[in-house]
Amino acid sequence: MPSELGLMHQTTSLQLINNNLSGSVPTELGQLVNLIVLSIQNNTITGSVPSSMCHQAGLVDVERIIKVDCDLVDCKCNSCVCD
């Protein structure tokens, strides 16, 4: 996954399902404070979801949803959903 995704600061939904993406989850995704939905399942992405994504910074009364392949990606956030 390209680290440049972290530059899309106004992004609220990033759905990258079934895109043959590989590599690790970039820590720069933690900069997407307006992100509500992140779906990266059905790729070969590995690593860990940045802990900064577990916080609701920038979001008021909105629950963030992070969908990952839990056998490949480690996610300690309460908002993670295994697929």
Protein backbone atom coordinates (compact mmCIF):
# COMPACT_ATOMS: atom_id res chain seq x y z
CA MET A 1 0.00 0.00 0.00
CA PRO A 2 1.40 3.40 -0.87
CA SER A 3 2.23 5.66 2.05
CA GLU A 4 0.87 8.61 0.05
CA LEU A 5 -2.63 7.50 1.02
CA GLY A 6 -1.94 9.29 4.30
CA LEU A 7 -1.94 12.61 2.41
CA MET A 8 -5.67 12.41 1.65
CA HIS A 9 -6.63 14.27 4.83
CA GLN A 10 -10.29 14.90 3.95
CA THR A 11 -10.99 11.25 3.09
CA THR A 12 -13.88 9.75 5.05
CA SER A 13 -14.02 6.33 3.37
CA LEU A 14 -11.19 4.27 1.90
CA GLN A 15 -12.35 0.96 0.47
CA LEU A 16 -9.58 -1.03 -1.17
CA ILE A 17 -11.20 -4.47 -1.22
CA ASN A 18 -9.98 -7.04 -3.80
CA ASN A 19 -7.28 -4.85 -5.38
CA ASN A 20 -4.32 -7.24 -5.28
CA LEU A 21 -2.54 -4.86 -2.92
CA SER A 22 0.45 -6.14 -0.99
CA GLY A 23 2.96 -4.84 1.48
CA SER A 24 2.36 -3.50 4.94
CA VAL A 25 -0.22 -1.12 6.34
CA PRO A 26 1.43 2.33 6.13
CA THR A 27 1.68 4.22 9.40
CA GLU A 28 0.66 7.33 7.46
CA LEU A 29 -2.94 6.07 7.46
CA GLY A 30 -3.02 7.24 11.07
CA GLN A 31 -3.01 10.81 9.71
CA LEU A 32 -6.48 10.35 8.20
CA VAL A 33 -8.35 11.82 11.16
CA ASN A 34 -11.62 12.14 9.20
CA LEU A 35 -11.60 8.52 8.07
CA ILE A 36 -14.74 6.68 9.13
CA VAL A 37 -14.45 3.47 7.07
CA LEU A 38 -11.27 1.63 6.09
CA SER A 39 -11.72 -1.64 4.19
CA ILE A 40 -8.55 -3.41 3.10
CA GLN A 41 -9.65 -7.03 3.14
CA ASN A 42 -9.07 -9.60 0.37
CA ASN A 43 -5.58 -8.33 -0.45
CA THR A 44 -2.19 -9.59 0.72
CA ILE A 45 -1.60 -6.64 3.03
CA THR A 46 0.26 -7.51 6.23
CA GLY A 47 1.46 -5.78 9.36
CA SER A 48 -0.47 -3.80 11.94
CA VAL A 49 -3.11 -1.13 11.83
CA PRO A 50 -1.45 2.03 13.22
CA SER A 51 -2.47 2.53 16.85
CA SER A 52 -3.25 6.17 16.01
CA MET A 53 -6.21 4.87 13.99
CA CYS A 54 -7.74 3.47 17.16
CA HIS A 55 -8.42 6.98 18.41
CA GLN A 56 -11.42 8.95 17.26
CA ALA A 57 -9.48 12.21 16.72
CA GLY A 58 -11.39 14.57 14.49
CA LEU A 59 -14.58 12.54 14.75
CA VAL A 60 -17.46 13.50 16.98
CA ASP A 61 -20.05 10.85 17.82
CA VAL A 62 -18.94 8.72 14.87
CA GLU A 63 -17.60 5.20 15.24
CA ARG A 64 -14.71 4.30 12.97
CA ILE A 65 -14.93 0.92 11.20
CA ILE A 66 -11.74 -0.87 10.13
CA LYS A 67 -12.21 -4.06 8.08
CA VAL A 68 -9.13 -6.27 7.70
CA ASP A 69 -8.06 -9.85 7.10
CA CYS A 70 -7.23 -10.67 10.70
CA ASP A 71 -5.06 -13.62 9.70
CA LEU A 72 -2.72 -11.16 7.91
CA VAL A 73 -3.19 -7.83 9.69
CA ASP A 74 -2.91 -7.24 13.42
CA CYS A 75 -5.47 -4.77 14.72
CA LYS A 76 -5.77 -3.82 18.38
CA CYS A 77 -8.54 -1.25 17.79
CA ASN A 78 -12.00 -1.92 19.18
CA SER A 79 -13.39 -0.84 15.83
CA CYS A 80 -11.68 -3.64 13.86
CA VAL A 81 -13.83 -6.16 12.05
CA CYS A 82 -12.33 -9.42 10.80
CA ASP A 83 -13.28 -10.60 7.38
